[in-house]
């Protein structure tokens, strides 16, 4: 399970870094800070699926809460929305640390 978590986390972090480089290149070209929101990225890649997700959330019981959460999430920069779960998955997939306490004469 740890291997799957580390693998997924690594890919998400890599994708976030690619998106950060793209935003950095756009910012350098425009001489201003340009951050691509998740909504802009999603509409560039596949706008029909965004409409499908919004329709799915509209049919759920907590419609207002889900719409507000989705709208907030879509407003954040894409590299942050993808990178934070990647970091969390990578941290969850790491090996547990085993602290060893040694006496002075064992060193």
PDB file of N, CA and C in Angstrom:
ATOM      1  N   UNK A   1       0.821  -1.196   0.000  1.00  0.00           N
ATOM      2  CA  UNK A   1       0.000   0.000   0.000  1.00  0.00           C
ATOM      3  C   UNK A   1       0.863   1.258   0.000  1.00  0.00           C
ATOM      4  N   UNK A   2       1.995   1.174   0.749  1.00  0.00           N
ATOM      5  CA  UNK A   2       2.871   2.333   0.786  1.00  0.00           C
ATOM      6  C   UNK A   2       3.448   2.645  -0.582  1.00  0.00           C
ATOM      7  N   UNK A   3       3.702   1.599  -1.364  1.00  0.00           N
ATOM      8  CA  UNK A   3       4.245   1.802  -2.710  1.00  0.00           C
ATOM      9  C   UNK A   3       3.249   2.559  -3.585  1.00  0.00           C
ATOM     10  N   UNK A   4       1.989   2.204  -3.485  1.00  0.00           N
ATOM     11  CA  UNK A   4       0.951   2.882  -4.279  1.00  0.00           C
ATOM     12  C   UNK A   4       0.815   4.336  -3.844  1.00  0.00           C
ATOM     13  N   UNK A   5       0.837   4.587  -2.548  1.00  0.00           N
ATOM     14  CA  UNK A   5       0.738   5.956  -2.049  1.00  0.00           C
ATOM     15  C   UNK A   5       1.925   6.798  -2.501  1.00  0.00           C
ATOM     16  N   UNK A   6       3.136   6.242  -2.394  1.00  0.00           N
ATOM     17  CA  UNK A   6       4.321   6.978  -2.835  1.00  0.00           C
ATOM     18  C   UNK A   6       4.299   7.218  -4.334  1.00  0.00           C
ATOM     19  N   UNK A   7       3.874   6.218  -5.096  1.00  0.00           N
ATOM     20  CA  UNK A   7       3.818   6.353  -6.547  1.00  0.00           C
ATOM     21  C   UNK A   7       2.828   7.437  -6.954  1.00  0.00           C
ATOM     22  N   UNK A   8       1.624   7.398  -6.399  1.00  0.00           N
ATOM     23  CA  UNK A   8       0.614   8.407  -6.721  1.00  0.00           C
ATOM     24  C   UNK A   8       1.062   9.789  -6.255  1.00  0.00           C
ATOM     25  N   UNK A   9       1.654   9.867  -5.067  1.00  0.00           N
ATOM     26  CA  UNK A   9       2.144  11.143  -4.565  1.00  0.00           C
ATOM     27  C   UNK A   9       3.239  11.717  -5.432  1.00  0.00           C
ATOM     28  N   UNK A  10       4.149  10.879  -5.894  1.00  0.00           N
ATOM     29  CA  UNK A  10       5.234  11.339  -6.758  1.00  0.00           C
ATOM     30  C   UNK A  10       4.703  11.874  -8.072  1.00  0.00           C
ATOM     31  N   UNK A  11       3.747  11.194  -8.663  1.00  0.00           N
ATOM     32  CA  UNK A  11       3.175  11.656  -9.932  1.00  0.00           C
ATOM     33  C   UNK A  11       2.416  12.966  -9.762  1.00  0.00           C
ATOM     34  N   UNK A  12       1.688  13.098  -8.677  1.00  0.00           N
ATOM     35  CA  UNK A  12       0.967  14.352  -8.445  1.00  0.00           C
ATOM     36  C   UNK A  12       1.927  15.510  -8.194  1.00  0.00           C
ATOM     37  N   UNK A  13       3.000  15.253  -7.462  1.00  0.00           N
ATOM     38  CA  UNK A  13       3.993  16.304  -7.232  1.00  0.00           C
ATOM     39  C   UNK A  13       4.665  16.683  -8.543  1.00  0.00           C
ATOM     40  N   UNK A  14       4.973  15.698  -9.375  1.00  0.00           N
ATOM     41  CA  UNK A  14       5.589  15.983 -10.672  1.00  0.00           C
ATOM     42  C   UNK A  14       4.659  16.810 -11.551  1.00  0.00           C
ATOM     43  N   UNK A  15       3.376  16.473 -11.562  1.00  0.00           N
ATOM     44  CA  UNK A  15       2.407  17.238 -12.342  1.00  0.00           C
ATOM     45  C   UNK A  15       2.290  18.662 -11.809  1.00  0.00           C
ATOM     46  N   UNK A  16       2.306  18.813 -10.502  1.00  0.00           N
ATOM     47  CA  UNK A  16       2.240  20.151  -9.907  1.00  0.00           C
ATOM     48  C   UNK A  16       3.467  20.978 -10.281  1.00  0.00           C
ATOM     49  N   UNK A  17       4.635  20.352 -10.315  1.00  0.00           N
ATOM     50  CA  UNK A  17       5.834  21.078 -10.717  1.00  0.00           C
ATOM     51  C   UNK A  17       5.785  21.488 -12.181  1.00  0.00           C
ATOM     52  N   UNK A  18       5.244  20.638 -13.031  1.00  0.00           N
ATOM     53  CA  UNK A  18       5.089  20.997 -14.446  1.00  0.00           C
ATOM     54  C   UNK A  18       4.140  22.183 -14.581  1.00  0.00           C
ATOM     55  N   UNK A  19       3.043  22.154 -13.861  1.00  0.00           N
ATOM     56  CA  UNK A  19       2.091  23.272 -13.908  1.00  0.00           C
ATOM     57  C   UNK A  19       2.715  24.550 -13.352  1.00  0.00           C
ATOM     58  N   UNK A  20       3.557  24.424 -12.334  1.00  0.00           N
ATOM     59  CA  UNK A  20       4.239  25.589 -11.784  1.00  0.00           C
ATOM     60  C   UNK A  20       5.232  26.174 -12.784  1.00  0.00           C
ATOM     61  N   UNK A  21       5.931  25.322 -13.518  1.00  0.00           N
ATOM     62  CA  UNK A  21       6.852  25.801 -14.543  1.00  0.00           C
ATOM     63  C   UNK A  21       6.095  26.490 -15.673  1.00  0.00           C
ATOM     64  N   UNK A  22       4.952  25.951 -16.052  1.00  0.00           N
ATOM     65  CA  UNK A  22       4.138  26.590 -17.096  1.00  0.00           C
ATOM     66  C   UNK A  22       3.671  27.966 -16.640  1.00  0.00           C
ATOM     67  N   UNK A  23       3.201  28.061 -15.391  1.00  0.00           N
ATOM     68  CA  UNK A  23       2.782  29.365 -14.864  1.00  0.00           C
ATOM     69  C   UNK A  23       3.964  30.326 -14.765  1.00  0.00           C
ATOM     70  N   UNK A  24       5.127  29.811 -14.386  1.00  0.00           N
ATOM     71  CA  UNK A  24       6.305  30.660 -14.314  1.00  0.00           C
ATOM     72  C   UNK A  24       6.730  31.176 -15.674  1.00  0.00           C
ATOM     73  N   UNK A  25       6.633  30.337 -16.687  1.00  0.00           N
ATOM     74  CA  UNK A  25       6.977  30.760 -18.042  1.00  0.00           C
ATOM     75  C   UNK A  25       6.007  31.822 -18.547  1.00  0.00           C
ATOM     76  N   UNK A  26       4.724  31.623 -18.276  1.00  0.00           N
ATOM     77  CA  UNK A  26       3.730  32.629 -18.662  1.00  0.00           C
ATOM     78  C   UNK A  26       3.966  33.946 -17.917  1.00  0.00           C
ATOM     79  N   UNK A  27       4.343  33.845 -16.652  1.00  0.00           N
ATOM     80  CA  UNK A  27       4.594  35.049 -15.859  1.00  0.00           C
ATOM     81  C   UNK A  27       5.809  35.807 -16.366  1.00  0.00           C
ATOM     82  N   UNK A  28       6.854  35.084 -16.754  1.00  0.00           N
ATOM     83  CA  UNK A  28       8.040  35.739 -17.297  1.00  0.00           C
ATOM     84  C   UNK A  28       7.739  36.426 -18.626  1.00  0.00           C
ATOM     85  N   UNK A  29       6.918  35.792 -19.438  1.00  0.00           N
ATOM     86  CA  UNK A  29       6.567  36.375 -20.731  1.00  0.00           C
ATOM     87  C   UNK A  29       5.686  37.606 -20.608  1.00  0.00           C
ATOM     88  N   UNK A  30       4.868  37.637 -19.583  1.00  0.00           N
ATOM     89  CA  UNK A  30       3.930  38.747 -19.423  1.00  0.00           C
ATOM     90  C   UNK A  30       4.446  39.837 -18.476  1.00  0.00           C
ATOM     91  N   UNK A  31       5.568  39.603 -17.820  1.00  0.00           N
ATOM     92  CA  UNK A  31       6.096  40.527 -16.821  1.00  0.00           C
ATOM     93  C   UNK A  31       5.093  40.802 -15.703  1.00  0.00           C
ATOM     94  N   UNK A  32       4.320  39.807 -15.385  1.00  0.00           N
ATOM     95  CA  UNK A  32       3.342  39.891 -14.291  1.00  0.00           C
ATOM     96  C   UNK A  32       3.111  38.475 -13.769  1.00  0.00           C
ATOM     97  N   UNK A  33       2.597  38.396 -12.565  1.00  0.00           N
ATOM     98  CA  UNK A  33       2.327  37.094 -11.976  1.00  0.00           C
ATOM     99  C   UNK A  33       1.054  36.519 -12.586  1.00  0.00           C
ATOM    100  N   UNK A  34       1.174  35.369 -13.213  1.00  0.00           N
ATOM    101  CA  UNK A  34       0.028  34.701 -13.822  1.00  0.00           C
ATOM    102  C   UNK A  34      -0.079  33.314 -13.200  1.00  0.00           C
ATOM    103  N   UNK A  35      -1.207  33.040 -12.581  1.00  0.00           N
ATOM    104  CA  UNK A  35      -1.473  31.733 -11.997  1.00  0.00           C
ATOM    105  C   UNK A  35      -2.709  31.148 -12.676  1.00  0.00           C
ATOM    106  N   UNK A  36      -2.575  29.962 -13.193  1.00  0.00           N
ATOM    107  CA  UNK A  36      -3.685  29.288 -13.850  1.00  0.00           C
ATOM    108  C   UNK A  36      -4.541  28.604 -12.793  1.00  0.00           C
ATOM    109  N   UNK A  37      -5.799  28.967 -12.742  1.00  0.00           N
ATOM    110  CA  UNK A  37      -6.683  28.340 -11.759  1.00  0.00           C
ATOM    111  C   UNK A  37      -7.055  26.938 -12.229  1.00  0.00           C
ATOM    112  N   UNK A  38      -7.554  26.153 -11.300  1.00  0.00           N
ATOM    113  CA  UNK A  38      -7.962  24.796 -11.636  1.00  0.00           C
ATOM    114  C   UNK A  38      -9.109  24.809 -12.632  1.00  0.00           C
ATOM    115  N   UNK A  39      -9.995  25.784 -12.535  1.00  0.00           N
ATOM    116  CA  UNK A  39     -11.117  25.877 -13.472  1.00  0.00           C
ATOM    117  C   UNK A  39     -10.618  26.144 -14.888  1.00  0.00           C
ATOM    118  N   UNK A  40      -9.637  27.034 -15.036  1.00  0.00           N
ATOM    119  CA  UNK A  40      -9.081  27.304 -16.362  1.00  0.00           C
ATOM    120  C   UNK A  40      -8.402  26.075 -16.943  1.00  0.00           C
ATOM    121  N   UNK A  41      -7.635  25.385 -16.121  1.00  0.00           N
ATOM    122  CA  UNK A  41      -6.958  24.179 -16.586  1.00  0.00           C
ATOM    123  C   UNK A  41      -7.955  23.107 -16.982  1.00  0.00           C
ATOM    124  N   UNK A  42      -8.984  22.932 -16.155  1.00  0.00           N
ATOM    125  CA  UNK A  42      -9.975  21.896 -16.416  1.00  0.00           C
ATOM    126  C   UNK A  42     -10.755  22.208 -17.693  1.00  0.00           C
ATOM    127  N   UNK A  43     -11.094  23.460 -17.917  1.00  0.00           N
ATOM    128  CA  UNK A  43     -11.826  23.804 -19.137  1.00  0.00           C
ATOM    129  C   UNK A  43     -10.931  23.691 -20.370  1.00  0.00           C
ATOM    130  N   UNK A  44      -9.625  23.875 -20.221  1.00  0.00           N
ATOM    131  CA  UNK A  44      -8.723  23.669 -21.345  1.00  0.00           C
ATOM    132  C   UNK A  44      -8.590  22.197 -21.698  1.00  0.00           C
ATOM    133  N   UNK A  45      -8.582  21.340 -20.678  1.00  0.00           N
ATOM    134  CA  UNK A  45      -8.385  19.919 -20.923  1.00  0.00           C
ATOM    135  C   UNK A  45      -9.661  19.209 -21.367  1.00  0.00           C
ATOM    136  N   UNK A  46     -10.736  19.367 -20.614  1.00  0.00           N
ATOM    137  CA  UNK A  46     -11.979  18.650 -20.942  1.00  0.00           C
ATOM    138  C   UNK A  46     -13.164  19.367 -20.305  1.00  0.00           C
ATOM    139  N   UNK A  47     -13.755  20.352 -21.008  1.00  0.00           N
ATOM    140  CA  UNK A  47     -14.832  21.140 -20.391  1.00  0.00           C
ATOM    141  C   UNK A  47     -16.109  20.334 -20.125  1.00  0.00           C
ATOM    142  N   UNK A  48     -16.348  19.285 -20.915  1.00  0.00           N
ATOM    143  CA  UNK A  48     -17.566  18.497 -20.698  1.00  0.00           C
ATOM    144  C   UNK A  48     -17.550  17.787 -19.353  1.00  0.00           C
ATOM    145  N   UNK A  49     -16.380  17.343 -18.909  1.00  0.00           N
ATOM    146  CA  UNK A  49     -16.324  16.659 -17.619  1.00  0.00           C
ATOM    147  C   UNK A  49     -16.559  17.628 -16.465  1.00  0.00           C
ATOM    148  N   UNK A  50     -16.140  18.880 -16.620  1.00  0.00           N
ATOM    149  CA  UNK A  50     -16.412  19.880 -15.580  1.00  0.00           C
ATOM    150  C   UNK A  50     -17.910  20.114 -15.447  1.00  0.00           C
ATOM    151  N   UNK A  51     -18.588  20.199 -16.572  1.00  0.00           N
ATOM    152  CA  UNK A  51     -20.048  20.360 -16.552  1.00  0.00           C
ATOM    153  C   UNK A  51     -20.691  19.125 -15.933  1.00  0.00           C
ATOM    154  N   UNK A  52     -20.151  17.946 -16.227  1.00  0.00           N
ATOM    155  CA  UNK A  52     -20.682  16.707 -15.653  1.00  0.00           C
ATOM    156  C   UNK A  52     -20.510  16.642 -14.144  1.00  0.00           C
ATOM    157  N   UNK A  53     -19.361  17.086 -13.659  1.00  0.00           N
ATOM    158  CA  UNK A  53     -19.128  17.095 -12.209  1.00  0.00           C
ATOM    159  C   UNK A  53     -20.058  18.090 -11.529  1.00  0.00           C
ATOM    160  N   UNK A  54     -20.230  19.251 -12.133  1.00  0.00           N
ATOM    161  CA  UNK A  54     -21.143  20.239 -11.549  1.00  0.00           C
ATOM    162  C   UNK A  54     -22.581  19.718 -11.545  1.00  0.00           C
ATOM    163  N   UNK A  55     -23.000  19.023 -12.612  1.00  0.00           N
ATOM    164  CA  UNK A  55     -24.347  18.436 -12.646  1.00  0.00           C
ATOM    165  C   UNK A  55     -24.482  17.329 -11.605  1.00  0.00           C
ATOM    166  N   UNK A  56     -23.424  16.560 -11.404  1.00  0.00           N
ATOM    167  CA  UNK A  56     -23.449  15.503 -10.390  1.00  0.00           C
ATOM    168  C   UNK A  56     -23.611  16.100  -8.998  1.00  0.00           C
ATOM    169  N   UNK A  57     -22.857  17.170  -8.708  1.00  0.00           N
ATOM    170  CA  UNK A  57     -22.970  17.811  -7.404  1.00  0.00           C
ATOM    171  C   UNK A  57     -24.335  18.468  -7.212  1.00  0.00           C
ATOM    172  N   UNK A  58     -24.948  18.925  -8.288  1.00  0.00           N
ATOM    173  CA  UNK A  58     -26.269  19.535  -8.178  1.00  0.00           C
ATOM    174  C   UNK A  58     -27.349  18.520  -7.815  1.00  0.00           C
ATOM    175  N   UNK A  59     -27.094  17.246  -8.084  1.00  0.00           N
ATOM    176  CA  UNK A  59     -28.095  16.220  -7.791  1.00  0.00           C
ATOM    177  C   UNK A  59     -27.905  15.585  -6.414  1.00  0.00           C
ATOM    178  N   UNK A  60     -26.947  16.031  -5.651  1.00  0.00           N
ATOM    179  CA  UNK A  60     -26.677  15.466  -4.337  1.00  0.00           C
ATOM    180  C   UNK A  60     -27.455  16.195  -3.250  1.00  0.00           C
ATOM    181  N   UNK A  61     -27.474  15.593  -2.057  1.00  0.00           N
ATOM    182  CA  UNK A  61     -28.246  16.121  -0.948  1.00  0.00           C
ATOM    183  C   UNK A  61     -27.691  17.456  -0.445  1.00  0.00           C
ATOM    184  N   UNK A  62     -26.378  17.555  -0.281  1.00  0.00           N
ATOM    185  CA  UNK A  62     -25.746  18.785   0.196  1.00  0.00           C
ATOM    186  C   UNK A  62     -25.313  19.637  -0.991  1.00  0.00           C
ATOM    187  N   UNK A  63     -26.244  19.962  -1.846  1.00  0.00           N
ATOM    188  CA  UNK A  63     -25.972  20.661  -3.098  1.00  0.00           C
ATOM    189  C   UNK A  63     -25.270  22.000  -2.875  1.00  0.00           C
ATOM    190  N   UNK A  64     -25.776  22.801  -1.954  1.00  0.00           N
ATOM    191  CA  UNK A  64     -25.195  24.129  -1.724  1.00  0.00           C
ATOM    192  C   UNK A  64     -23.769  24.041  -1.180  1.00  0.00           C
ATOM    193  N   UNK A  65     -23.541  23.134  -0.256  1.00  0.00           N
ATOM    194  CA  UNK A  65     -22.211  22.969   0.317  1.00  0.00           C
ATOM    195  C   UNK A  65     -21.224  22.465  -0.738  1.00  0.00           C
ATOM    196  N   UNK A  66     -21.650  21.498  -1.534  1.00  0.00           N
ATOM    197  CA  UNK A  66     -20.771  20.957  -2.564  1.00  0.00           C
ATOM    198  C   UNK A  66     -20.466  21.987  -3.643  1.00  0.00           C
ATOM    199  N   UNK A  67     -21.460  22.778  -4.023  1.00  0.00           N
ATOM    200  CA  UNK A  67     -21.218  23.819  -5.028  1.00  0.00           C
ATOM    201  C   UNK A  67     -20.253  24.883  -4.507  1.00  0.00           C
ATOM    202  N   UNK A  68     -20.402  25.269  -3.265  1.00  0.00           N
ATOM    203  CA  UNK A  68     -19.498  26.267  -2.691  1.00  0.00           C
ATOM    204  C   UNK A  68     -18.075  25.717  -2.572  1.00  0.00           C
ATOM    205  N   UNK A  69     -17.961  24.456  -2.170  1.00  0.00           N
ATOM    206  CA  UNK A  69     -16.648  23.829  -2.058  1.00  0.00           C
ATOM    207  C   UNK A  69     -15.987  23.698  -3.421  1.00  0.00           C
ATOM    208  N   UNK A  70     -16.745  23.276  -4.420  1.00  0.00           N
ATOM    209  CA  UNK A  70     -16.199  23.138  -5.764  1.00  0.00           C
ATOM    210  C   UNK A  70     -15.800  24.489  -6.341  1.00  0.00           C
ATOM    211  N   UNK A  71     -16.602  25.513  -6.118  1.00  0.00           N
ATOM    212  CA  UNK A  71     -16.274  26.842  -6.623  1.00  0.00           C
ATOM    213  C   UNK A  71     -15.006  27.381  -5.963  1.00  0.00           C
ATOM    214  N   UNK A  72     -14.850  27.125  -4.675  1.00  0.00           N
ATOM    215  CA  UNK A  72     -13.649  27.561  -3.972  1.00  0.00           C
ATOM    216  C   UNK A  72     -12.426  26.806  -4.480  1.00  0.00           C
ATOM    217  N   UNK A  73     -12.564  25.508  -4.643  1.00  0.00           N
ATOM    218  CA  UNK A  73     -11.460  24.687  -5.112  1.00  0.00           C
ATOM    219  C   UNK A  73     -11.052  25.045  -6.539  1.00  0.00           C
ATOM    220  N   UNK A  74     -12.016  25.360  -7.374  1.00  0.00           N
ATOM    221  CA  UNK A  74     -11.720  25.723  -8.755  1.00  0.00           C
ATOM    222  C   UNK A  74     -11.053  27.087  -8.872  1.00  0.00           C
ATOM    223  N   UNK A  75     -11.150  27.900  -7.865  1.00  0.00           N
ATOM    224  CA  UNK A  75     -10.529  29.220  -7.880  1.00  0.00           C
ATOM    225  C   UNK A  75      -9.063  29.219  -7.489  1.00  0.00           C
ATOM    226  N   UNK A  76      -8.596  28.166  -6.818  1.00  0.00           N
ATOM    227  CA  UNK A  76      -7.202  28.088  -6.396  1.00  0.00           C
ATOM    228  C   UNK A  76      -6.298  27.759  -7.581  1.00  0.00           C
ATOM    229  N   UNK A  77      -5.006  28.087  -7.469  1.00  0.00           N
ATOM    230  CA  UNK A  77      -4.068  27.722  -8.546  1.00  0.00           C
ATOM    231  C   UNK A  77      -3.993  26.203  -8.712  1.00  0.00           C
ATOM    232  N   UNK A  78      -3.878  25.772  -9.954  1.00  0.00           N
ATOM    233  CA  UNK A  78      -3.914  24.342 -10.258  1.00  0.00           C
ATOM    234  C   UNK A  78      -2.738  23.596  -9.640  1.00  0.00           C
ATOM    235  N   UNK A  79      -1.552  24.219  -9.623  1.00  0.00           N
ATOM    236  CA  UNK A  79      -0.397  23.512  -9.067  1.00  0.00           C
ATOM    237  C   UNK A  79      -0.570  23.263  -7.581  1.00  0.00           C
ATOM    238  N   UNK A  80      -1.245  24.158  -6.872  1.00  0.00           N
ATOM    239  CA  UNK A  80      -1.449  23.977  -5.436  1.00  0.00           C
ATOM    240  C   UNK A  80      -2.494  22.903  -5.153  1.00  0.00           C
ATOM    241  N   UNK A  81      -3.555  22.889  -5.960  1.00  0.00           N
ATOM    242  CA  UNK A  81      -4.627  21.913  -5.745  1.00  0.00           C
ATOM    243  C   UNK A  81      -4.124  20.501  -6.026  1.00  0.00           C
ATOM    244  N   UNK A  82      -3.212  20.363  -6.963  1.00  0.00           N
ATOM    245  CA  UNK A  82      -2.681  19.042  -7.291  1.00  0.00           C
ATOM    246  C   UNK A  82      -1.480  18.700  -6.414  1.00  0.00           C
ATOM    247  N   UNK A  83      -0.695  19.687  -6.037  1.00  0.00           N
ATOM    248  CA  UNK A  83       0.522  19.432  -5.271  1.00  0.00           C
ATOM    249  C   UNK A  83       0.290  19.079  -3.816  1.00  0.00           C
ATOM    250  N   UNK A  84      -0.680  19.692  -3.184  1.00  0.00           N
ATOM    251  CA  UNK A  84      -0.925  19.425  -1.755  1.00  0.00           C
ATOM    252  C   UNK A  84      -1.358  17.975  -1.518  1.00  0.00           C
ATOM    253  N   UNK A  85      -2.311  17.430  -2.281  1.00  0.00           N
ATOM    254  CA  UNK A  85      -2.608  16.001  -2.090  1.00  0.00           C
ATOM    255  C   UNK A  85      -1.426  15.099  -2.437  1.00  0.00           C
ATOM    256  N   UNK A  86      -0.611  15.516  -3.410  1.00  0.00           N
ATOM    257  CA  UNK A  86       0.571  14.735  -3.742  1.00  0.00           C
ATOM    258  C   UNK A  86       1.553  14.668  -2.593  1.00  0.00           C
ATOM    259  N   UNK A  87       1.762  15.786  -1.930  1.00  0.00           N
ATOM    260  CA  UNK A  87       2.657  15.802  -0.772  1.00  0.00           C
ATOM    261  C   UNK A  87       2.090  14.958   0.361  1.00  0.00           C
ATOM    262  N   UNK A  88       0.794  15.059   0.585  1.00  0.00           N
ATOM    263  CA  UNK A  88       0.162  14.266   1.649  1.00  0.00           C
ATOM    264  C   UNK A  88       0.278  12.775   1.354  1.00  0.00           C
ATOM    265  N   UNK A  89       0.031  12.375   0.094  1.00  0.00           N
ATOM    266  CA  UNK A  89       0.146  10.954  -0.256  1.00  0.00           C
ATOM    267  C   UNK A  89       1.584  10.466  -0.133  1.00  0.00           C
ATOM    268  N   UNK A  90       2.529  11.296  -0.538  1.00  0.00           N
ATOM    269  CA  UNK A  90       3.930  10.900  -0.424  1.00  0.00           C
ATOM    270  C   UNK A  90       4.344  10.750   1.041  1.00  0.00           C
ATOM    271  N   UNK A  91       3.859  11.623   1.894  1.00  0.00           N
ATOM    272  CA  UNK A  91       4.173  11.506   3.322  1.00  0.00           C
ATOM    273  C   UNK A  91       3.498  10.290   3.955  1.00  0.00           C
ATOM    274  N   UNK A  92       2.294   9.975   3.515  1.00  0.00           N
ATOM    275  CA  UNK A  92       1.616   8.794   4.048  1.00  0.00           C
ATOM    276  C   UNK A  92       2.288   7.505   3.593  1.00  0.00           C
ATOM    277  N   UNK A  93       2.951   7.539   2.446  1.00  0.00           N
ATOM    278  CA  UNK A  93       3.585   6.340   1.916  1.00  0.00           C
ATOM    279  C   UNK A  93       5.012   6.122   2.356  1.00  0.00           C
ATOM    280  N   UNK A  94       5.561   7.012   3.152  1.00  0.00           N
ATOM    281  CA  UNK A  94       6.956   6.835   3.568  1.00  0.00           C
ATOM    282  C   UNK A  94       7.063   5.766   4.649  1.00  0.00           C
ATOM    283  N   UNK A  95       8.272   5.282   4.802  1.00  0.00           N
ATOM    284  CA  UNK A  95       8.516   4.253   5.819  1.00  0.00           C
ATOM    285  C   UNK A  95       8.427   4.871   7.204  1.00  0.00           C
ATOM    286  N   UNK A  96       7.880   4.145   8.150  1.00  0.00           N
ATOM    287  CA  UNK A  96       7.834   4.679   9.515  1.00  0.00           C
ATOM    288  C   UNK A  96       9.243   4.741  10.102  1.00  0.00           C
ATOM    289  N   UNK A  97       9.503   5.789  10.809  1.00  0.00           N
ATOM    290  CA  UNK A  97      10.810   5.951  11.437  1.00  0.00           C
ATOM    291  C   UNK A  97      10.873   5.127  12.709  1.00  0.00           C
ATOM    292  N   UNK A  98      11.999   4.507  12.851  1.00  0.00           N
ATOM    293  CA  UNK A  98      12.223   3.752  14.080  1.00  0.00           C
ATOM    294  C   UNK A  98      13.355   4.428  14.821  1.00  0.00           C
ATOM    295  N   UNK A  99      12.989   5.066  15.863  1.00  0.00           N
ATOM    296  CA  UNK A  99      13.981   5.763  16.672  1.00  0.00           C
ATOM    297  C   UNK A  99      14.683   4.757  17.569  1.00  0.00           C
ATOM    298  N   UNK A 100      15.973   4.805  17.532  1.00  0.00           N
ATOM    299  CA  UNK A 100      16.756   3.935  18.403  1.00  0.00           C
ATOM    300  C   UNK A 100      17.529   4.809  19.375  1.00  0.00           C
ATOM    301  N   UNK A 101      17.413   4.458  20.570  1.00  0.00           N
ATOM    302  CA  UNK A 101      18.145   5.164  21.605  1.00  0.00           C
ATOM    303  C   UNK A 101      19.304   4.286  22.058  1.00  0.00           C
ATOM    304  N   UNK A 102      20.487   4.794  21.864  1.00  0.00           N
ATOM    305  CA  UNK A 102      21.675   4.040  22.211  1.00  0.00           C
ATOM    306  C   UNK A 102      22.333   4.647  23.457  1.00  0.00           C
ATOM    307  N   UNK A 103      22.928   3.771  24.219  1.00  0.00           N
ATOM    308  CA  UNK A 103      23.711   4.261  25.334  1.00  0.00           C
ATOM    309  C   UNK A 103      25.049   4.757  24.821  1.00  0.00           C
ATOM    310  N   UNK A 104      25.722   5.513  25.589  1.00  0.00           N
ATOM    311  CA  UNK A 104      27.001   6.101  25.185  1.00  0.00           C
ATOM    312  C   UNK A 104      28.039   5.034  24.857  1.00  0.00           C
ATOM    313  N   UNK A 105      28.035   3.907  25.597  1.00  0.00           N
ATOM    314  CA  UNK A 105      29.045   2.875  25.351  1.00  0.00           C
ATOM    315  C   UNK A 105      28.738   2.040  24.113  1.00  0.00           C
ATOM    316  N   UNK A 106      27.546   2.157  23.534  1.00  0.00           N
ATOM    317  CA  UNK A 106      27.194   1.414  22.335  1.00  0.00           C
ATOM    318  C   UNK A 106      27.577   2.153  21.060  1.00  0.00           C
ATOM    319  N   UNK A 107      27.963   3.402  21.168  1.00  0.00           N
ATOM    320  CA  UNK A 107      28.287   4.191  19.975  1.00  0.00           C
ATOM    321  C   UNK A 107      29.670   3.856  19.483  1.00  0.00           C
TER     322      UNK A 107
END
